[in-house]
């Protein structure tokens, strides 16, 4: 039969597992950078007062976009990891 050989599944796991872990850590870091009601870690980098006065800045929009991309990578890695394992 034309089945999938076991070595190729192991290769996929070795690719998806580190991708899943790195995207999870990056996603946690990026979410903590967002300024919320409590300020978050973005206050440490000077984003507190300027963000409230200026509204949505370019940096905040880029942070939002990067967070969405990291979340998509995490979602696809989670799905791939669930299908393989």
PDB file of N, CA and C in Angstrom:
ATOM      1  N   UNK A   1       0.826  -1.184   0.000  1.00  0.00           N
ATOM      2  CA  UNK A   1       0.000   0.000   0.000  1.00  0.00           C
ATOM      3  C   UNK A   1       0.868   1.244   0.000  1.00  0.00           C
ATOM      4  N   UNK A   2       0.306   2.334  -0.406  1.00  0.00           N
ATOM      5  CA  UNK A   2       1.025   3.601  -0.472  1.00  0.00           C
ATOM      6  C   UNK A   2       0.891   4.401   0.802  1.00  0.00           C
ATOM      7  N   UNK A   3       1.257   3.821   1.924  1.00  0.00           N
ATOM      8  CA  UNK A   3       1.135   4.506   3.216  1.00  0.00           C
ATOM      9  C   UNK A   3       2.279   5.484   3.444  1.00  0.00           C
ATOM     10  N   UNK A   4       2.162   6.193   4.534  1.00  0.00           N
ATOM     11  CA  UNK A   4       3.192   7.141   4.925  1.00  0.00           C
ATOM     12  C   UNK A   4       4.205   6.400   5.769  1.00  0.00           C
ATOM     13  N   UNK A   5       5.473   6.564   5.444  1.00  0.00           N
ATOM     14  CA  UNK A   5       6.489   5.861   6.222  1.00  0.00           C
ATOM     15  C   UNK A   5       6.690   6.570   7.561  1.00  0.00           C
ATOM     16  N   UNK A   6       7.118   5.828   8.556  1.00  0.00           N
ATOM     17  CA  UNK A   6       7.206   6.332   9.933  1.00  0.00           C
ATOM     18  C   UNK A   6       8.243   7.428  10.073  1.00  0.00           C
ATOM     19  N   UNK A   7       9.305   7.381   9.295  1.00  0.00           N
ATOM     20  CA  UNK A   7      10.351   8.396   9.389  1.00  0.00           C
ATOM     21  C   UNK A   7       9.863   9.779   9.008  1.00  0.00           C
ATOM     22  N   UNK A   8       8.961   9.868   8.059  1.00  0.00           N
ATOM     23  CA  UNK A   8       8.481  11.178   7.637  1.00  0.00           C
ATOM     24  C   UNK A   8       7.602  11.826   8.700  1.00  0.00           C
ATOM     25  N   UNK A   9       6.831  11.036   9.452  1.00  0.00           N
ATOM     26  CA  UNK A   9       6.033  11.591  10.542  1.00  0.00           C
ATOM     27  C   UNK A   9       6.926  12.107  11.660  1.00  0.00           C
ATOM     28  N   UNK A  10       8.015  11.403  11.933  1.00  0.00           N
ATOM     29  CA  UNK A  10       8.955  11.859  12.955  1.00  0.00           C
ATOM     30  C   UNK A  10       9.608  13.169  12.534  1.00  0.00           C
ATOM     31  N   UNK A  11       9.892  13.305  11.237  1.00  0.00           N
ATOM     32  CA  UNK A  11      10.465  14.557  10.745  1.00  0.00           C
ATOM     33  C   UNK A  11       9.492  15.715  10.910  1.00  0.00           C
ATOM     34  N   UNK A  12       8.225  15.452  10.670  1.00  0.00           N
ATOM     35  CA  UNK A  12       7.210  16.493  10.819  1.00  0.00           C
ATOM     36  C   UNK A  12       7.081  16.900  12.279  1.00  0.00           C
ATOM     37  N   UNK A  13       7.121  15.936  13.181  1.00  0.00           N
ATOM     38  CA  UNK A  13       7.030  16.247  14.613  1.00  0.00           C
ATOM     39  C   UNK A  13       8.225  17.077  15.046  1.00  0.00           C
ATOM     40  N   UNK A  14       9.413  16.738  14.567  1.00  0.00           N
ATOM     41  CA  UNK A  14      10.605  17.506  14.924  1.00  0.00           C
ATOM     42  C   UNK A  14      10.569  18.910  14.354  1.00  0.00           C
ATOM     43  N   UNK A  15       9.803  19.144  13.310  1.00  0.00           N
ATOM     44  CA  UNK A  15       9.650  20.496  12.759  1.00  0.00           C
ATOM     45  C   UNK A  15       8.536  21.259  13.470  1.00  0.00           C
ATOM     46  N   UNK A  16       7.430  20.590  13.746  1.00  0.00           N
ATOM     47  CA  UNK A  16       6.252  21.273  14.291  1.00  0.00           C
ATOM     48  C   UNK A  16       6.406  21.569  15.779  1.00  0.00           C
ATOM     49  N   UNK A  17       7.024  20.670  16.539  1.00  0.00           N
ATOM     50  CA  UNK A  17       7.127  20.860  17.990  1.00  0.00           C
ATOM     51  C   UNK A  17       7.904  22.119  18.370  1.00  0.00           C
ATOM     52  N   UNK A  18       9.106  22.348  17.821  1.00  0.00           N
ATOM     53  CA  UNK A  18       9.796  23.607  18.166  1.00  0.00           C
ATOM     54  C   UNK A  18       9.054  24.846  17.654  1.00  0.00           C
ATOM     55  N   UNK A  19       8.423  24.722  16.498  1.00  0.00           N
ATOM     56  CA  UNK A  19       7.638  25.836  15.970  1.00  0.00           C
ATOM     57  C   UNK A  19       6.479  26.162  16.904  1.00  0.00           C
ATOM     58  N   UNK A  20       5.851  25.139  17.437  1.00  0.00           N
ATOM     59  CA  UNK A  20       4.732  25.311  18.356  1.00  0.00           C
ATOM     60  C   UNK A  20       5.195  25.975  19.659  1.00  0.00           C
ATOM     61  N   UNK A  21       6.312  25.528  20.195  1.00  0.00           N
ATOM     62  CA  UNK A  21       6.830  26.082  21.446  1.00  0.00           C
ATOM     63  C   UNK A  21       7.273  27.526  21.260  1.00  0.00           C
ATOM     64  N   UNK A  22       8.004  27.798  20.185  1.00  0.00           N
ATOM     65  CA  UNK A  22       8.471  29.164  19.940  1.00  0.00           C
ATOM     66  C   UNK A  22       7.318  30.125  19.679  1.00  0.00           C
ATOM     67  N   UNK A  23       6.322  29.678  18.931  1.00  0.00           N
ATOM     68  CA  UNK A  23       5.187  30.561  18.670  1.00  0.00           C
ATOM     69  C   UNK A  23       4.377  30.803  19.936  1.00  0.00           C
ATOM     70  N   UNK A  24       4.296  29.820  20.830  1.00  0.00           N
ATOM     71  CA  UNK A  24       3.588  30.014  22.101  1.00  0.00           C
ATOM     72  C   UNK A  24       4.303  31.029  22.972  1.00  0.00           C
ATOM     73  N   UNK A  25       5.623  30.918  23.079  1.00  0.00           N
ATOM     74  CA  UNK A  25       6.387  31.875  23.882  1.00  0.00           C
ATOM     75  C   UNK A  25       6.324  33.278  23.290  1.00  0.00           C
ATOM     76  N   UNK A  26       6.420  33.368  21.974  1.00  0.00           N
ATOM     77  CA  UNK A  26       6.324  34.671  21.318  1.00  0.00           C
ATOM     78  C   UNK A  26       4.951  35.284  21.507  1.00  0.00           C
ATOM     79  N   UNK A  27       3.926  34.464  21.435  1.00  0.00           N
ATOM     80  CA  UNK A  27       2.561  34.959  21.612  1.00  0.00           C
ATOM     81  C   UNK A  27       2.343  35.482  23.032  1.00  0.00           C
ATOM     82  N   UNK A  28       2.854  34.783  24.032  1.00  0.00           N
ATOM     83  CA  UNK A  28       2.739  35.255  25.413  1.00  0.00           C
ATOM     84  C   UNK A  28       3.459  36.588  25.578  1.00  0.00           C
ATOM     85  N   UNK A  29       4.663  36.692  25.032  1.00  0.00           N
ATOM     86  CA  UNK A  29       5.429  37.931  25.124  1.00  0.00           C
ATOM     87  C   UNK A  29       4.708  39.093  24.441  1.00  0.00           C
ATOM     88  N   UNK A  30       4.169  38.848  23.252  1.00  0.00           N
ATOM     89  CA  UNK A  30       3.493  39.911  22.516  1.00  0.00           C
ATOM     90  C   UNK A  30       2.204  40.348  23.195  1.00  0.00           C
ATOM     91  N   UNK A  31       1.471  39.411  23.768  1.00  0.00           N
ATOM     92  CA  UNK A  31       0.233  39.773  24.464  1.00  0.00           C
ATOM     93  C   UNK A  31       0.552  40.603  25.703  1.00  0.00           C
ATOM     94  N   UNK A  32       1.638  40.273  26.391  1.00  0.00           N
ATOM     95  CA  UNK A  32       2.021  41.052  27.558  1.00  0.00           C
ATOM     96  C   UNK A  32       2.485  42.460  27.190  1.00  0.00           C
ATOM     97  N   UNK A  33       2.966  42.638  25.972  1.00  0.00           N
ATOM     98  CA  UNK A  33       3.396  43.969  25.537  1.00  0.00           C
ATOM     99  C   UNK A  33       2.224  44.908  25.276  1.00  0.00           C
ATOM    100  N   UNK A  34       1.061  44.358  24.996  1.00  0.00           N
ATOM    101  CA  UNK A  34      -0.099  45.198  24.711  1.00  0.00           C
ATOM    102  C   UNK A  34      -0.503  45.980  25.942  1.00  0.00           C
ATOM    103  N   UNK A  35      -0.934  47.211  25.707  1.00  0.00           N
ATOM    104  CA  UNK A  35      -1.410  48.011  26.836  1.00  0.00           C
ATOM    105  C   UNK A  35      -2.899  47.777  27.003  1.00  0.00           C
ATOM    106  N   UNK A  36      -3.273  47.381  28.170  1.00  0.00           N
ATOM    107  CA  UNK A  36      -4.671  47.146  28.480  1.00  0.00           C
ATOM    108  C   UNK A  36      -5.134  48.150  29.508  1.00  0.00           C
ATOM    109  N   UNK A  37      -6.097  47.771  30.286  1.00  0.00           N
ATOM    110  CA  UNK A  37      -6.588  48.666  31.336  1.00  0.00           C
ATOM    111  C   UNK A  37      -5.523  48.873  32.400  1.00  0.00           C
ATOM    112  N   UNK A  38      -4.742  47.841  32.685  1.00  0.00           N
ATOM    113  CA  UNK A  38      -3.723  47.941  33.715  1.00  0.00           C
ATOM    114  C   UNK A  38      -2.397  48.462  33.205  1.00  0.00           C
ATOM    115  N   UNK A  39      -2.261  48.668  31.919  1.00  0.00           N
ATOM    116  CA  UNK A  39      -1.024  49.194  31.369  1.00  0.00           C
ATOM    117  C   UNK A  39      -0.178  48.133  30.712  1.00  0.00           C
ATOM    118  N   UNK A  40       0.032  47.001  31.366  1.00  0.00           N
ATOM    119  CA  UNK A  40       0.839  45.939  30.784  1.00  0.00           C
ATOM    120  C   UNK A  40       2.312  46.281  30.786  1.00  0.00           C
ATOM    121  N   UNK A  41       3.085  45.497  30.091  1.00  0.00           N
ATOM    122  CA  UNK A  41       4.521  45.720  30.015  1.00  0.00           C
ATOM    123  C   UNK A  41       4.879  46.866  29.087  1.00  0.00           C
ATOM    124  N   UNK A  42       3.925  47.335  28.302  1.00  0.00           N
ATOM    125  CA  UNK A  42       4.237  48.427  27.384  1.00  0.00           C
ATOM    126  C   UNK A  42       4.549  49.711  28.129  1.00  0.00           C
ATOM    127  N   UNK A  43       4.071  49.847  29.369  1.00  0.00           N
ATOM    128  CA  UNK A  43       4.405  51.026  30.166  1.00  0.00           C
ATOM    129  C   UNK A  43       5.890  51.077  30.481  1.00  0.00           C
ATOM    130  N   UNK A  44       6.512  49.917  30.575  1.00  0.00           N
ATOM    131  CA  UNK A  44       7.939  49.880  30.864  1.00  0.00           C
ATOM    132  C   UNK A  44       8.747  50.484  29.725  1.00  0.00           C
ATOM    133  N   UNK A  45       8.240  50.416  28.518  1.00  0.00           N
ATOM    134  CA  UNK A  45       8.954  50.912  27.351  1.00  0.00           C
ATOM    135  C   UNK A  45       8.444  52.265  26.896  1.00  0.00           C
ATOM    136  N   UNK A  46       7.723  52.971  27.739  1.00  0.00           N
ATOM    137  CA  UNK A  46       7.272  54.313  27.420  1.00  0.00           C
ATOM    138  C   UNK A  46       6.008  54.372  26.603  1.00  0.00           C
ATOM    139  N   UNK A  47       5.224  53.336  26.563  1.00  0.00           N
ATOM    140  CA  UNK A  47       4.020  53.339  25.748  1.00  0.00           C
ATOM    141  C   UNK A  47       2.771  53.758  26.490  1.00  0.00           C
ATOM    142  N   UNK A  48       2.879  54.061  27.763  1.00  0.00           N
ATOM    143  CA  UNK A  48       1.698  54.343  28.562  1.00  0.00           C
ATOM    144  C   UNK A  48       1.045  55.670  28.262  1.00  0.00           C
ATOM    145  N   UNK A  49       1.750  56.763  28.491  1.00  0.00           N
ATOM    146  CA  UNK A  49       1.159  58.085  28.343  1.00  0.00           C
ATOM    147  C   UNK A  49       0.981  58.472  26.880  1.00  0.00           C
ATOM    148  N   UNK A  50       1.944  58.147  26.059  1.00  0.00           N
ATOM    149  CA  UNK A  50       1.839  58.511  24.646  1.00  0.00           C
ATOM    150  C   UNK A  50       0.714  57.790  23.936  1.00  0.00           C
ATOM    151  N   UNK A  51       0.475  56.553  24.315  1.00  0.00           N
ATOM    152  CA  UNK A  51      -0.587  55.773  23.675  1.00  0.00           C
ATOM    153  C   UNK A  51      -1.958  56.307  24.060  1.00  0.00           C
ATOM    154  N   UNK A  52      -2.109  56.782  25.285  1.00  0.00           N
ATOM    155  CA  UNK A  52      -3.400  57.316  25.707  1.00  0.00           C
ATOM    156  C   UNK A  52      -3.672  58.661  25.062  1.00  0.00           C
ATOM    157  N   UNK A  53      -2.636  59.452  24.863  1.00  0.00           N
ATOM    158  CA  UNK A  53      -2.819  60.783  24.299  1.00  0.00           C
ATOM    159  C   UNK A  53      -3.002  60.737  22.787  1.00  0.00           C
ATOM    160  N   UNK A  54      -2.277  59.864  22.117  1.00  0.00           N
ATOM    161  CA  UNK A  54      -2.279  59.863  20.661  1.00  0.00           C
ATOM    162  C   UNK A  54      -3.251  58.862  20.059  1.00  0.00           C
ATOM    163  N   UNK A  55      -3.857  58.016  20.856  1.00  0.00           N
ATOM    164  CA  UNK A  55      -4.758  57.009  20.307  1.00  0.00           C
ATOM    165  C   UNK A  55      -3.978  55.825  19.786  1.00  0.00           C
ATOM    166  N   UNK A  56      -4.333  55.332  18.624  1.00  0.00           N
ATOM    167  CA  UNK A  56      -3.681  54.168  18.037  1.00  0.00           C
ATOM    168  C   UNK A  56      -2.498  54.619  17.193  1.00  0.00           C
ATOM    169  N   UNK A  57      -1.297  54.329  17.654  1.00  0.00           N
ATOM    170  CA  UNK A  57      -0.101  54.731  16.938  1.00  0.00           C
ATOM    171  C   UNK A  57       0.316  53.641  15.961  1.00  0.00           C
ATOM    172  N   UNK A  58       1.313  53.962  15.161  1.00  0.00           N
ATOM    173  CA  UNK A  58       1.835  53.004  14.183  1.00  0.00           C
ATOM    174  C   UNK A  58       2.452  51.806  14.899  1.00  0.00           C
ATOM    175  N   UNK A  59       3.117  52.072  16.010  1.00  0.00           N
ATOM    176  CA  UNK A  59       3.750  50.990  16.756  1.00  0.00           C
ATOM    177  C   UNK A  59       2.693  50.028  17.290  1.00  0.00           C
ATOM    178  N   UNK A  60       1.598  50.551  17.789  1.00  0.00           N
ATOM    179  CA  UNK A  60       0.537  49.686  18.308  1.00  0.00           C
ATOM    180  C   UNK A  60      -0.116  48.871  17.202  1.00  0.00           C
ATOM    181  N   UNK A  61      -0.309  49.493  16.050  1.00  0.00           N
ATOM    182  CA  UNK A  61      -0.893  48.736  14.931  1.00  0.00           C
ATOM    183  C   UNK A  61       0.039  47.643  14.464  1.00  0.00           C
ATOM    184  N   UNK A  62       1.340  47.940  14.411  1.00  0.00           N
ATOM    185  CA  UNK A  62       2.303  46.907  14.023  1.00  0.00           C
ATOM    186  C   UNK A  62       2.372  45.792  15.064  1.00  0.00           C
ATOM    187  N   UNK A  63       2.280  46.160  16.340  1.00  0.00           N
ATOM    188  CA  UNK A  63       2.254  45.152  17.393  1.00  0.00           C
ATOM    189  C   UNK A  63       1.016  44.273  17.261  1.00  0.00           C
ATOM    190  N   UNK A  64      -0.115  44.875  16.916  1.00  0.00           N
ATOM    191  CA  UNK A  64      -1.337  44.102  16.685  1.00  0.00           C
ATOM    192  C   UNK A  64      -1.163  43.129  15.526  1.00  0.00           C
ATOM    193  N   UNK A  65      -0.575  43.601  14.445  1.00  0.00           N
ATOM    194  CA  UNK A  65      -0.380  42.741  13.265  1.00  0.00           C
ATOM    195  C   UNK A  65       0.563  41.586  13.570  1.00  0.00           C
ATOM    196  N   UNK A  66       1.659  41.870  14.271  1.00  0.00           N
ATOM    197  CA  UNK A  66       2.617  40.822  14.607  1.00  0.00           C
ATOM    198  C   UNK A  66       1.976  39.794  15.547  1.00  0.00           C
ATOM    199  N   UNK A  67       1.144  40.270  16.470  1.00  0.00           N
ATOM    200  CA  UNK A  67       0.453  39.367  17.389  1.00  0.00           C
ATOM    201  C   UNK A  67      -0.519  38.465  16.641  1.00  0.00           C
ATOM    202  N   UNK A  68      -1.218  39.008  15.665  1.00  0.00           N
ATOM    203  CA  UNK A  68      -2.149  38.194  14.874  1.00  0.00           C
ATOM    204  C   UNK A  68      -1.393  37.137  14.080  1.00  0.00           C
ATOM    205  N   UNK A  69      -0.261  37.503  13.503  1.00  0.00           N
ATOM    206  CA  UNK A  69       0.537  36.532  12.746  1.00  0.00           C
ATOM    207  C   UNK A  69       1.054  35.437  13.674  1.00  0.00           C
ATOM    208  N   UNK A  70       1.519  35.821  14.858  1.00  0.00           N
ATOM    209  CA  UNK A  70       1.996  34.821  15.821  1.00  0.00           C
ATOM    210  C   UNK A  70       0.861  33.905  16.266  1.00  0.00           C
ATOM    211  N   UNK A  71      -0.331  34.459  16.429  1.00  0.00           N
ATOM    212  CA  UNK A  71      -1.480  33.638  16.816  1.00  0.00           C
ATOM    213  C   UNK A  71      -1.863  32.666  15.700  1.00  0.00           C
ATOM    214  N   UNK A  72      -1.773  33.104  14.459  1.00  0.00           N
ATOM    215  CA  UNK A  72      -2.072  32.209  13.335  1.00  0.00           C
ATOM    216  C   UNK A  72      -1.048  31.090  13.223  1.00  0.00           C
ATOM    217  N   UNK A  73       0.221  31.427  13.400  1.00  0.00           N
ATOM    218  CA  UNK A  73       1.264  30.396  13.370  1.00  0.00           C
ATOM    219  C   UNK A  73       1.035  29.396  14.493  1.00  0.00           C
ATOM    220  N   UNK A  74       0.674  29.895  15.688  1.00  0.00           N
ATOM    221  CA  UNK A  74       0.393  29.008  16.816  1.00  0.00           C
ATOM    222  C   UNK A  74      -0.804  28.107  16.524  1.00  0.00           C
ATOM    223  N   UNK A  75      -1.851  28.670  15.919  1.00  0.00           N
ATOM    224  CA  UNK A  75      -3.051  27.888  15.615  1.00  0.00           C
ATOM    225  C   UNK A  75      -2.752  26.799  14.584  1.00  0.00           C
ATOM    226  N   UNK A  76      -2.017  27.146  13.534  1.00  0.00           N
ATOM    227  CA  UNK A  76      -1.679  26.151  12.514  1.00  0.00           C
ATOM    228  C   UNK A  76      -0.728  25.097  13.071  1.00  0.00           C
ATOM    229  N   UNK A  77       0.215  25.507  13.912  1.00  0.00           N
ATOM    230  CA  UNK A  77       1.127  24.533  14.521  1.00  0.00           C
ATOM    231  C   UNK A  77       0.368  23.609  15.465  1.00  0.00           C
ATOM    232  N   UNK A  78      -0.602  24.154  16.202  1.00  0.00           N
ATOM    233  CA  UNK A  78      -1.412  23.326  17.101  1.00  0.00           C
ATOM    234  C   UNK A  78      -2.224  22.304  16.312  1.00  0.00           C
ATOM    235  N   UNK A  79      -2.814  22.756  15.207  1.00  0.00           N
ATOM    236  CA  UNK A  79      -3.597  21.853  14.381  1.00  0.00           C
ATOM    237  C   UNK A  79      -2.723  20.771  13.746  1.00  0.00           C
ATOM    238  N   UNK A  80      -1.571  21.180  13.227  1.00  0.00           N
ATOM    239  CA  UNK A  80      -0.659  20.211  12.620  1.00  0.00           C
ATOM    240  C   UNK A  80      -0.134  19.221  13.653  1.00  0.00           C
ATOM    241  N   UNK A  81       0.152  19.721  14.838  1.00  0.00           N
ATOM    242  CA  UNK A  81       0.654  18.851  15.905  1.00  0.00           C
ATOM    243  C   UNK A  81      -0.417  17.860  16.342  1.00  0.00           C
ATOM    244  N   UNK A  82      -1.670  18.297  16.373  1.00  0.00           N
ATOM    245  CA  UNK A  82      -2.759  17.397  16.755  1.00  0.00           C
ATOM    246  C   UNK A  82      -3.008  16.344  15.673  1.00  0.00           C
ATOM    247  N   UNK A  83      -2.850  16.714  14.414  1.00  0.00           N
ATOM    248  CA  UNK A  83      -3.075  15.756  13.339  1.00  0.00           C
ATOM    249  C   UNK A  83      -1.963  14.729  13.233  1.00  0.00           C
ATOM    250  N   UNK A  84      -0.747  15.137  13.555  1.00  0.00           N
ATOM    251  CA  UNK A  84       0.396  14.232  13.418  1.00  0.00           C
ATOM    252  C   UNK A  84       0.521  13.324  14.626  1.00  0.00           C
ATOM    253  N   UNK A  85       0.350  13.891  15.797  1.00  0.00           N
ATOM    254  CA  UNK A  85       0.589  13.115  17.032  1.00  0.00           C
ATOM    255  C   UNK A  85      -0.571  12.220  17.385  1.00  0.00           C
TER     256      UNK A  85
END
